[in-house]
């Protein structure tokens, strides 16, 4: 009886063990190794004789000889896995951030360019002559004038770019849409005269540069400049437009090096330059010179053209960013481009103030170059002439480009670029053939440019303040008031320059 009872008890215990093991093996939480299941990480008692950690099942360690998995070792391993996962996530975030930054940089690089083409107008031969004359006559006195002029130029050029970006049209196109036939023709006539006067200054500067470098007669040099600039214009428009931009920017860099090289040979005193930042005048003549520098800073054709350039930048079929991104990118584009142009102009004034101050014969470009050769040596003189040549080639190409867009916008005629080149080139060659003093012709050209300033600035000021045209991007009252103040100042100075020129006092 006792033996039978013992056998029965033993069988009962065996059945319990079997049932418990089957229950454990069939548990979806434990047998499948679910990390988030209930009771994970605990010791589950199967019977009084053996304990099995759930990790043994998850890792396939349910061999009968393995009764216990070290819980601390498992926890340590899990912490290691967690650290690895954390590092992988961090690396993934860093990679995504780097990719996003690279994409942003690439997008910004795709926006830059139009302002650099427009900035060429600020380093044309006319500005070269004015800045060298100012430095040679008055030293560092008028440094502040150039800084102020450059700041005003940033505002005006950005407004032109903004108008083109938001409306998708150029300033001449918008003018043409809002005028009758007679008004469009009259406006085109004055704008084309401005384009011819612009090309006159560039052509004269290039002819002088070739004369200084190779001894070519001025008329022959003008023909060479006209031919080379026409070839450059073949790259303008369509899929090659960005190539045209790159060529102009390359010339702008040559200009920069050509006009600042002398500062490395004869560096100025920084305290003297800083002293020129204090606004002041010494004589009536210095007031007139400041008026001339400020008045001639903003070029009307650059205002017309910039509103075109921001759209032609994508003429090759490139994807066009959103208006907000274009406006943000254009701010950087304008600031960088005009900072470079302003540096060139400031370098010319400082070079003249430091090396040519008080010297006679610096009122003309060729006279200034001869003075540079005598003071700084023939190498610097040659580099200066190369910079002048690059200035002429780039600015005359951009001037013709502007004339073409003015014709297209106002007359709604898309003439071939070579035809527009002939229209602006022939008058300049006639002047070079007959004018005894090309520098005087250059001064007259600057006066004509001054006449055209109000015709470009006033419509730009009105259109960027038009809710109908600009929508949510319309200028606010503060910015509009600032623009009015800048426009009034520039127009007043240009009127003063015109009056003084005709009175023989400028």
Protein backbone atom coordinates (compact mmCIF):
# COMPACT_ATOMS: atom_id res chain seq x y z
CA UNK A 1 0.00 0.00 0.00
CA UNK A 2 2.81 2.31 0.91
CA UNK A 3 4.69 1.43 -2.23
CA UNK A 4 1.66 2.09 -4.38
CA UNK A 5 1.18 5.44 -2.67
CA UNK A 6 4.76 6.45 -3.34
CA UNK A 7 4.48 5.46 -6.99
CA UNK A 8 1.30 7.50 -7.31
CA UNK A 9 2.92 10.59 -5.76
CA UNK A 10 5.97 10.27 -8.01
CA UNK A 11 3.75 10.01 -11.10
CA UNK A 12 1.79 13.07 -9.99
CA UNK A 13 4.99 15.09 -9.62
CA UNK A 14 6.20 13.99 -13.05
CA UNK A 15 2.90 15.03 -14.60
CA UNK A 16 3.18 18.43 -12.91
CA UNK A 17 6.70 18.88 -14.26
CA UNK A 18 5.57 17.96 -17.76
CA UNK A 19 2.60 20.31 -17.57
CA UNK A 20 4.73 23.15 -16.28
CA UNK A 21 7.34 22.67 -18.98
CA UNK A 22 4.69 22.59 -21.68
CA UNK A 23 3.11 25.75 -20.32
CA UNK A 24 6.49 27.50 -20.26
CA UNK A 25 7.41 26.39 -23.75
CA UNK A 26 4.06 27.50 -25.14
CA UNK A 27 4.07 30.91 -23.52
CA UNK A 28 4.18 33.61 -26.22
CA UNK A 29 5.80 36.02 -23.83
CA UNK A 30 8.65 33.86 -22.70
CA UNK A 31 9.18 31.24 -25.35
CA UNK A 32 9.28 33.80 -28.15
CA UNK A 33 11.67 36.03 -26.26
CA UNK A 34 9.44 39.12 -26.34
CA UNK A 35 11.49 41.87 -24.66
CA UNK A 36 8.43 43.85 -23.75
CA UNK A 37 6.47 40.93 -22.34
CA UNK A 38 5.35 40.76 -18.80
CA UNK A 39 7.90 39.45 -16.37
CA UNK A 40 10.93 40.10 -18.59
CA UNK A 41 14.15 39.99 -16.63
CA UNK A 42 12.68 38.04 -13.73
CA UNK A 43 13.42 34.54 -12.51
CA UNK A 44 10.39 32.36 -13.30
CA UNK A 45 10.05 29.36 -11.02
CA UNK A 46 9.07 26.25 -12.91
CA UNK A 47 9.32 23.98 -9.97
CA UNK A 48 11.08 23.88 -6.65
CA UNK A 49 14.11 22.12 -8.07
CA UNK A 50 14.95 24.18 -11.16
CA UNK A 51 14.73 27.86 -12.15
CA UNK A 52 15.07 29.11 -15.73
CA UNK A 53 15.64 32.74 -16.75
CA UNK A 54 13.51 33.78 -19.77
CA UNK A 55 16.68 34.75 -21.64
CA UNK A 56 17.60 31.07 -21.89
CA UNK A 57 14.65 30.49 -24.14
CA UNK A 58 15.20 33.68 -26.18
CA UNK A 59 18.80 32.76 -26.81
CA UNK A 60 18.05 29.11 -27.43
CA UNK A 61 19.77 28.11 -24.19
CA UNK A 62 17.06 25.78 -22.93
CA UNK A 63 19.38 22.83 -22.87
CA UNK A 64 18.73 20.66 -19.83
CA UNK A 65 22.28 21.21 -18.61
CA UNK A 66 21.81 24.98 -18.46
CA UNK A 67 19.77 25.79 -15.42
CA UNK A 68 20.57 29.46 -14.84
CA UNK A 69 21.70 32.42 -16.99
CA UNK A 70 23.51 35.13 -15.14
CA UNK A 71 21.00 38.00 -14.95
CA UNK A 72 23.72 40.57 -14.44
CA UNK A 73 25.55 39.48 -17.60
CA UNK A 74 22.33 39.71 -19.58
CA UNK A 75 21.59 43.18 -18.25
CA UNK A 76 25.12 44.32 -19.05
CA UNK A 77 24.84 43.00 -22.57
CA UNK A 78 21.49 44.76 -23.03
CA UNK A 79 23.02 48.02 -21.87
CA UNK A 80 25.76 47.57 -24.45
CA UNK A 81 23.20 46.99 -27.19
CA UNK A 82 21.32 50.09 -26.08
CA UNK A 83 24.51 52.17 -26.30
CA UNK A 84 25.21 50.83 -29.79
CA UNK A 85 21.67 51.67 -30.90
CA UNK A 86 22.05 55.15 -29.45
CA UNK A 87 25.32 55.71 -31.31
CA UNK A 88 23.78 54.49 -34.55
CA UNK A 89 20.84 56.86 -34.16
CA UNK A 90 23.19 59.76 -33.41
CA UNK A 91 25.30 58.91 -36.46
CA UNK A 92 22.16 58.76 -38.56
CA UNK A 93 21.06 62.19 -37.32
CA UNK A 94 24.52 63.64 -37.99
CA UNK A 95 24.55 62.20 -41.49
CA UNK A 96 21.08 63.59 -42.18
CA UNK A 97 22.14 66.99 -40.86
CA UNK A 98 25.29 66.99 -42.99
CA UNK A 99 23.27 66.02 -46.05
CA UNK A 100 20.75 68.78 -45.34
CA UNK A 101 23.54 71.33 -44.87
CA UNK A 102 25.17 70.21 -48.11
CA UNK A 103 21.86 70.51 -49.93
CA UNK A 104 21.32 73.99 -48.45
CA UNK A 105 24.81 75.06 -49.50
CA UNK A 106 24.25 73.68 -52.99
CA UNK A 107 20.89 75.46 -53.22
CA UNK A 108 22.48 78.75 -52.14
CA UNK A 109 25.29 78.35 -54.66
CA UNK A 110 22.64 77.87 -57.35
CA UNK A 111 21.03 81.20 -56.45
CA UNK A 112 24.21 83.29 -56.43
CA UNK A 113 25.36 85.04 -59.60
CA UNK A 114 22.94 87.72 -60.86
CA UNK A 115 24.15 90.40 -58.44
CA UNK A 116 27.78 89.80 -59.43
CA UNK A 117 26.89 90.50 -63.06
CA UNK A 118 25.05 93.68 -62.06
CA UNK A 119 27.95 94.69 -59.79
CA UNK A 120 30.21 95.05 -62.82
CA UNK A 121 28.47 98.38 -63.45
CA UNK A 122 30.00 99.66 -60.20
CA UNK A 123 33.59 99.04 -61.28
CA UNK A 124 33.44 100.42 -64.80
CA UNK A 125 36.11 102.81 -66.19
CA UNK A 126 34.03 105.83 -65.14
CA UNK A 127 34.21 104.80 -61.49
CA UNK A 128 37.91 104.07 -61.87
CA UNK A 129 38.57 107.62 -63.04
CA UNK A 130 36.40 109.21 -60.32
CA UNK A 131 37.93 107.24 -57.45
CA UNK A 132 41.53 107.80 -58.51
CA UNK A 133 40.90 111.53 -58.97
CA UNK A 134 39.30 111.74 -55.53
CA UNK A 135 42.20 110.01 -53.81
CA UNK A 136 44.88 111.96 -55.67
CA UNK A 137 43.22 115.30 -54.87
CA UNK A 138 41.84 114.86 -51.36
CA UNK A 139 43.64 111.86 -49.91
CA UNK A 140 41.48 109.81 -47.54
CA UNK A 141 38.98 112.61 -46.98
CA UNK A 142 36.13 111.03 -48.98
CA UNK A 143 36.43 107.39 -47.92
CA UNK A 144 33.12 107.75 -46.10
CA UNK A 145 31.42 108.80 -49.33
CA UNK A 146 32.23 105.47 -50.97
CA UNK A 147 31.04 103.54 -47.92
CA UNK A 148 27.73 105.44 -47.92
CA UNK A 149 27.32 105.05 -51.67
CA UNK A 150 27.91 101.31 -51.46
CA UNK A 151 25.33 100.93 -48.69
CA UNK A 152 22.71 102.75 -50.78
CA UNK A 153 23.56 100.60 -53.78
CA UNK A 154 22.88 97.43 -51.78
CA UNK A 155 19.34 98.61 -51.03
CA UNK A 156 18.58 99.66 -54.60
CA UNK A 157 19.97 96.54 -56.26
CA UNK A 158 18.14 94.28 -53.84
CA UNK A 159 14.89 96.11 -54.58
CA UNK A 160 15.42 95.52 -58.29
CA UNK A 161 16.12 91.83 -57.69
CA UNK A 162 13.08 91.57 -55.42
CA UNK A 163 10.81 93.07 -58.07
CA UNK A 164 11.98 90.55 -60.65
CA UNK A 165 11.71 87.57 -58.28
CA UNK A 166 8.21 88.32 -57.00
CA UNK A 167 6.62 89.39 -60.30
CA UNK A 168 8.64 87.18 -62.63
CA UNK A 169 9.09 90.21 -64.89
CA UNK A 170 11.75 92.85 -65.42
CA UNK A 171 11.35 96.53 -64.63
CA UNK A 172 11.22 97.44 -68.37
CA UNK A 173 8.49 94.82 -68.92
CA UNK A 174 6.37 96.22 -66.09
CA UNK A 175 6.85 99.73 -67.44
CA UNK A 176 5.85 98.60 -70.92
CA UNK A 177 2.64 97.01 -69.61
CA UNK A 178 1.57 100.25 -67.93
CA UNK A 179 2.27 102.74 -70.71
CA UNK A 180 0.66 103.63 -73.98
CA UNK A 181 2.50 103.31 -77.27
CA UNK A 182 3.80 106.89 -77.21
CA UNK A 183 4.92 106.62 -73.59
CA UNK A 184 6.71 103.33 -74.20
CA UNK A 185 8.59 104.74 -77.18
CA UNK A 186 9.65 107.92 -75.35
CA UNK A 187 10.78 105.97 -72.33
CA UNK A 188 12.69 103.58 -74.56
CA UNK A 189 14.39 106.50 -76.31
CA UNK A 190 15.82 107.92 -73.08
CA UNK A 191 16.76 104.47 -71.80
CA UNK A 192 18.57 103.64 -75.04
CA UNK A 193 20.48 106.92 -74.85
CA UNK A 194 21.52 105.86 -71.36
CA UNK A 195 22.68 102.50 -72.71
CA UNK A 196 24.72 104.22 -75.42
CA UNK A 197 26.28 106.59 -72.88
CA UNK A 198 27.11 103.61 -70.69
CA UNK A 199 28.79 101.80 -73.55
CA UNK A 200 30.69 104.97 -74.44
CA UNK A 201 32.41 105.03 -71.06
CA UNK A 202 33.24 101.33 -71.19
CA UNK A 203 34.53 101.55 -74.75
CA UNK A 204 36.77 104.50 -73.97
CA UNK A 205 38.19 102.76 -70.92
CA UNK A 206 38.96 99.61 -72.89
CA UNK A 207 40.55 101.56 -75.73
CA UNK A 208 42.77 103.40 -73.25
CA UNK A 209 43.75 100.08 -71.64
CA UNK A 210 44.77 98.56 -74.99
CA UNK A 211 46.68 101.73 -75.82
CA UNK A 212 48.57 101.52 -72.53
CA UNK A 213 49.27 97.79 -72.90
CA UNK A 214 49.99 97.47 -76.63
CA UNK A 215 50.12 101.00 -78.03
CA UNK A 216 47.00 100.52 -80.18
CA UNK A 217 45.28 103.67 -81.46
CA UNK A 218 42.11 104.44 -79.53
CA UNK A 219 39.80 103.77 -82.47
CA UNK A 220 41.42 100.40 -83.19
CA UNK A 221 41.28 99.54 -79.51
CA UNK A 222 37.59 100.41 -79.47
CA UNK A 223 36.97 98.06 -82.40
CA UNK A 224 38.79 95.25 -80.60
CA UNK A 225 36.76 95.81 -77.43
CA UNK A 226 33.56 95.80 -79.46
CA UNK A 227 34.45 92.54 -81.21
CA UNK A 228 35.51 90.68 -78.06
CA UNK A 229 32.50 91.84 -76.06
CA UNK A 230 30.21 90.68 -78.88
CA UNK A 231 31.73 87.21 -78.63
CA UNK A 232 31.12 87.23 -74.87
CA UNK A 233 27.48 88.08 -75.47
CA UNK A 234 27.03 84.91 -77.51
CA UNK A 235 26.98 83.03 -74.20
CA UNK A 236 24.12 85.12 -72.83
CA UNK A 237 20.72 83.47 -72.70
CA UNK A 238 19.37 79.94 -72.62
CA UNK A 239 21.46 77.04 -71.40
CA UNK A 240 24.72 79.00 -71.68
CA UNK A 241 23.54 81.91 -69.54
CA UNK A 242 25.30 80.65 -66.44
CA UNK A 243 28.48 80.33 -68.48
CA UNK A 244 28.09 84.03 -69.30
CA UNK A 245 27.73 84.75 -65.58
CA UNK A 246 30.89 82.78 -64.81
CA UNK A 247 32.87 84.66 -67.45
CA UNK A 248 31.73 88.02 -66.08
CA UNK A 249 32.52 86.95 -62.50
CA UNK A 250 35.98 85.79 -63.62
CA UNK A 251 36.57 89.21 -65.19
CA UNK A 252 35.36 90.81 -61.96
CA UNK A 253 38.01 88.87 -60.05
CA UNK A 254 40.66 90.04 -62.54
CA UNK A 255 39.45 93.60 -61.97
CA UNK A 256 39.74 93.13 -58.22
CA UNK A 257 43.30 91.86 -58.42
CA UNK A 258 44.31 94.46 -60.99
CA UNK A 259 43.12 97.38 -58.88
CA UNK A 260 44.25 96.25 -55.43
CA UNK A 261 47.68 94.86 -56.37
CA UNK A 262 49.32 98.22 -55.71
CA UNK A 263 48.19 98.12 -52.08
CA UNK A 264 50.40 95.09 -51.47
CA UNK A 265 53.43 97.02 -52.70
CA UNK A 266 52.61 100.20 -50.78
CA UNK A 267 50.16 99.33 -47.98
CA UNK A 268 48.32 102.28 -46.44
CA UNK A 269 48.28 103.35 -42.82
CA UNK A 270 45.10 101.84 -41.29
CA UNK A 271 44.59 104.82 -39.00
CA UNK A 272 44.59 107.18 -42.00
CA UNK A 273 41.97 105.06 -43.74
CA UNK A 274 39.86 104.93 -40.57
CA UNK A 275 40.08 108.72 -40.32
CA UNK A 276 38.43 108.96 -43.73
CA UNK A 277 35.30 107.30 -42.34
CA UNK A 278 34.39 110.50 -40.48
CA UNK A 279 31.98 112.54 -42.67
CA UNK A 280 33.46 115.96 -43.36
CA UNK A 281 34.55 118.35 -46.12
CA UNK A 282 37.44 120.76 -46.39
CA UNK A 283 36.63 122.90 -49.42
CA UNK A 284 33.79 123.56 -51.82
CA UNK A 285 35.57 121.44 -54.40
CA UNK A 286 35.52 118.45 -52.06
CA UNK A 287 31.74 118.85 -51.74
CA UNK A 288 31.45 118.80 -55.52
CA UNK A 289 33.64 115.72 -55.74
CA UNK A 290 31.53 113.93 -53.12
CA UNK A 291 28.39 114.82 -55.06
CA UNK A 292 29.95 113.45 -58.21
CA UNK A 293 30.98 110.19 -56.51
CA UNK A 294 27.60 109.63 -54.87
CA UNK A 295 25.63 110.67 -57.91
CA UNK A 296 27.56 108.43 -60.28
CA UNK A 297 27.47 105.38 -58.01
CA UNK A 298 24.06 104.00 -58.96
CA UNK A 299 23.90 103.11 -62.64
CA UNK A 300 20.44 103.12 -64.27
CA UNK A 301 21.17 100.18 -66.56
CA UNK A 302 22.15 98.07 -63.54
CA UNK A 303 18.72 98.76 -62.02
CA UNK A 304 16.92 97.73 -65.20
CA UNK A 305 19.09 94.67 -65.68
CA UNK A 306 19.08 93.15 -62.21
CA UNK A 307 15.33 92.52 -62.34
CA UNK A 308 15.99 90.55 -65.53
CA UNK A 309 19.05 88.67 -64.32
CA UNK A 310 17.27 86.98 -61.41
CA UNK A 311 14.90 85.28 -63.87
CA UNK A 312 17.39 84.67 -66.70
CA UNK A 313 19.51 82.84 -64.12
CA UNK A 314 17.11 79.90 -64.59
CA UNK A 315 16.76 80.21 -68.37
CA UNK A 316 18.62 76.92 -68.82
CA UNK A 317 15.75 74.94 -67.35
CA UNK A 318 17.08 74.63 -63.80
CA UNK A 319 14.54 74.11 -61.03
CA UNK A 320 13.49 77.44 -59.57
CA UNK A 321 13.34 77.71 -55.76
CA UNK A 322 10.47 79.28 -53.85
CA UNK A 323 10.10 83.05 -53.71
CA UNK A 324 11.17 83.12 -50.06
CA UNK A 325 14.33 81.15 -50.74
CA UNK A 326 15.11 83.29 -53.77
CA UNK A 327 14.69 86.49 -51.76
CA UNK A 328 16.88 85.16 -48.95
CA UNK A 329 19.52 84.04 -51.42
CA UNK A 330 19.34 87.33 -53.29
CA UNK A 331 20.14 89.25 -50.11
CA UNK A 332 23.36 87.28 -49.75
CA UNK A 333 24.08 87.60 -53.47
CA UNK A 334 23.69 91.39 -53.44
CA UNK A 335 25.67 91.94 -50.25
CA UNK A 336 28.60 89.79 -51.36
CA UNK A 337 28.68 91.21 -54.89
CA UNK A 338 28.54 94.85 -53.87
CA UNK A 339 30.93 94.23 -51.01
CA UNK A 340 33.42 93.06 -53.63
CA UNK A 341 32.67 96.01 -55.91
CA UNK A 342 32.87 98.42 -52.98
CA UNK A 343 36.22 96.95 -51.98
CA UNK A 344 37.54 97.55 -55.50
CA UNK A 345 36.40 101.18 -55.52
CA UNK A 346 37.74 101.79 -52.05
CA UNK A 347 41.06 100.22 -53.02
CA UNK A 348 41.36 102.58 -55.98
CA UNK A 349 40.75 105.62 -53.78
CA UNK A 350 43.18 104.38 -51.11
CA UNK A 351 45.81 103.53 -53.72
CA UNK A 352 45.60 107.05 -55.13
CA UNK A 353 45.53 108.66 -51.68
CA UNK A 354 48.54 106.66 -50.52
CA UNK A 355 50.71 106.81 -53.63
CA UNK A 356 49.45 109.62 -55.90
CA UNK A 357 48.32 112.30 -53.45
CA UNK A 358 49.23 115.78 -54.66
CA UNK A 359 50.57 114.59 -58.02
CA UNK A 360 49.46 116.43 -61.14
CA UNK A 361 48.13 114.77 -64.27
CA UNK A 362 45.96 112.21 -62.48
CA UNK A 363 42.65 113.62 -63.73
CA UNK A 364 42.64 111.17 -66.65
CA UNK A 365 42.91 107.39 -66.65
CA UNK A 366 46.08 107.35 -68.73
CA UNK A 367 47.62 110.04 -66.53
CA UNK A 368 46.80 108.01 -63.43
CA UNK A 369 48.36 104.90 -64.96
CA UNK A 370 51.56 106.78 -65.81
CA UNK A 371 51.70 108.08 -62.24
CA UNK A 372 51.25 104.55 -60.89
CA UNK A 373 54.11 103.33 -63.09
CA UNK A 374 56.40 106.11 -61.89
CA UNK A 375 55.63 105.51 -58.22
CA UNK A 376 54.98 101.77 -57.93
CA UNK A 377 56.82 100.43 -60.97
CA UNK A 378 55.92 99.08 -64.42
CA UNK A 379 54.64 95.72 -63.13
CA UNK A 380 51.93 97.32 -61.00
CA UNK A 381 51.17 99.70 -63.86
CA UNK A 382 50.68 96.76 -66.22
CA UNK A 383 48.47 94.92 -63.72
CA UNK A 384 46.40 98.08 -63.36
CA UNK A 385 45.97 98.27 -67.14
CA UNK A 386 44.88 94.62 -67.26
CA UNK A 387 42.30 95.35 -64.57
CA UNK A 388 41.07 98.32 -66.61
CA UNK A 389 40.78 96.11 -69.70
CA UNK A 390 38.77 93.50 -67.79
CA UNK A 391 36.58 96.29 -66.42
CA UNK A 392 35.85 97.50 -69.94
CA UNK A 393 35.11 94.08 -71.42
CA UNK A 394 32.77 93.02 -68.64
CA UNK A 395 30.92 96.30 -68.23
CA UNK A 396 30.41 96.88 -71.96
CA UNK A 397 28.95 93.37 -72.32
CA UNK A 398 26.61 93.93 -69.38
CA UNK A 399 25.62 97.34 -70.74
CA UNK A 400 24.62 95.84 -74.08
CA UNK A 401 22.71 93.09 -72.28
CA UNK A 402 20.79 95.79 -70.41
CA UNK A 403 20.02 97.63 -73.65
CA UNK A 404 18.63 94.44 -75.16
CA UNK A 405 16.31 93.86 -72.21
CA UNK A 406 15.15 97.48 -72.25
CA UNK A 407 14.20 97.10 -75.91
CA UNK A 408 12.45 93.80 -75.24
CA UNK A 409 10.49 95.10 -72.27
CA UNK A 410 9.41 98.47 -73.65
CA UNK A 411 9.08 97.82 -77.39
CA UNK A 412 8.31 94.09 -77.06
CA UNK A 413 10.98 93.35 -79.64
CA UNK A 414 13.48 90.57 -79.03
CA UNK A 415 16.31 91.69 -81.27
CA UNK A 416 19.45 89.55 -81.73
CA UNK A 417 22.16 90.43 -79.27
CA UNK A 418 24.62 91.31 -82.03
CA UNK A 419 22.15 93.87 -83.40
CA UNK A 420 21.85 95.49 -79.97
CA UNK A 421 25.64 95.50 -79.78
CA UNK A 422 25.90 97.41 -83.04
CA UNK A 423 23.36 100.00 -81.85
CA UNK A 424 25.42 100.86 -78.77
CA UNK A 425 28.86 100.34 -80.33
CA UNK A 426 28.70 102.60 -83.38
CA UNK A 427 28.15 105.89 -81.48
CA UNK A 428 31.08 105.08 -79.21
CA UNK A 429 33.39 104.40 -82.15
CA UNK A 430 32.34 107.69 -83.75
CA UNK A 431 33.28 109.53 -80.56
CA UNK A 432 36.65 107.76 -80.43
CA UNK A 433 37.33 108.75 -84.03
CA UNK A 434 36.46 112.43 -83.69
CA UNK A 435 36.89 113.35 -80.01
CA UNK A 436 40.31 114.93 -79.34
CA UNK A 437 40.12 114.18 -75.61
CA UNK A 438 38.41 110.87 -74.74
CA UNK A 439 38.39 111.68 -71.03
CA UNK A 440 36.10 114.66 -71.68
CA UNK A 441 33.78 112.38 -73.62
CA UNK A 442 33.78 110.02 -70.65
CA UNK A 443 32.72 112.88 -68.33
CA UNK A 444 29.89 113.81 -70.69
CA UNK A 445 28.79 110.19 -70.69
CA UNK A 446 28.63 110.22 -66.89
CA UNK A 447 26.43 113.31 -66.97
CA UNK A 448 24.03 111.60 -69.39
CA UNK A 449 23.86 108.63 -67.04
CA UNK A 450 22.91 111.01 -64.25
CA UNK A 451 19.94 112.21 -66.29
CA UNK A 452 18.61 108.67 -66.51
CA UNK A 453 18.75 107.89 -62.78
CA UNK A 454 15.26 109.21 -61.84
CA UNK A 455 13.62 107.27 -64.69
CA UNK A 456 14.87 104.02 -63.16
CA UNK A 457 14.64 104.67 -59.41
CA UNK A 458 11.17 106.25 -59.20
CA UNK A 459 9.28 103.41 -60.96
CA UNK A 460 11.23 100.85 -58.94
CA UNK A 461 10.27 102.63 -55.73
CA UNK A 462 6.59 102.71 -56.75
CA UNK A 463 6.36 99.12 -57.91
CA UNK A 464 7.99 97.56 -54.85
CA UNK A 465 5.43 99.44 -52.73
CA UNK A 466 2.49 98.23 -54.83
CA UNK A 467 0.31 95.67 -53.06
CA UNK A 468 -1.17 94.69 -56.41
CA UNK A 469 2.22 93.72 -57.82
CA UNK A 470 4.09 92.48 -54.77
CA UNK A 471 1.32 90.86 -52.72
CA UNK A 472 2.64 89.68 -49.36
CA UNK A 473 6.15 90.78 -50.34
CA UNK A 474 5.24 94.46 -50.61
CA UNK A 475 7.58 96.93 -48.89
CA UNK A 476 6.48 98.02 -45.43
CA UNK A 477 6.19 101.70 -44.50
CA UNK A 478 9.61 101.87 -42.82
CA UNK A 479 11.48 100.31 -45.72
CA UNK A 480 9.53 102.40 -48.21
CA UNK A 481 10.41 105.58 -46.31
CA UNK A 482 14.08 104.57 -46.30
CA UNK A 483 13.94 103.89 -50.02
CA UNK A 484 12.36 107.31 -50.62
CA UNK A 485 15.12 109.01 -48.62
CA UNK A 486 17.85 107.21 -50.57
CA UNK A 487 16.17 107.92 -53.90
CA UNK A 488 15.72 111.62 -53.11
CA UNK A 489 19.36 111.93 -52.06
CA UNK A 490 20.71 110.23 -55.18
CA UNK A 491 18.43 112.15 -57.54
CA UNK A 492 19.29 115.48 -55.87
CA UNK A 493 23.02 114.80 -56.16
CA UNK A 494 22.67 113.86 -59.81
CA UNK A 495 20.73 117.03 -60.53
CA UNK A 496 23.43 119.02 -58.73
CA UNK A 497 26.11 117.29 -60.78
CA UNK A 498 24.30 118.13 -64.03
CA UNK A 499 23.87 121.78 -63.09
CA UNK A 500 27.48 122.19 -61.99
CA UNK A 501 28.72 120.51 -65.16
CA UNK A 502 26.84 122.92 -67.38
CA UNK A 503 28.05 125.83 -65.26
CA UNK A 504 31.61 124.65 -65.74
CA UNK A 505 32.22 124.12 -62.01
CA UNK A 506 32.24 120.36 -61.83
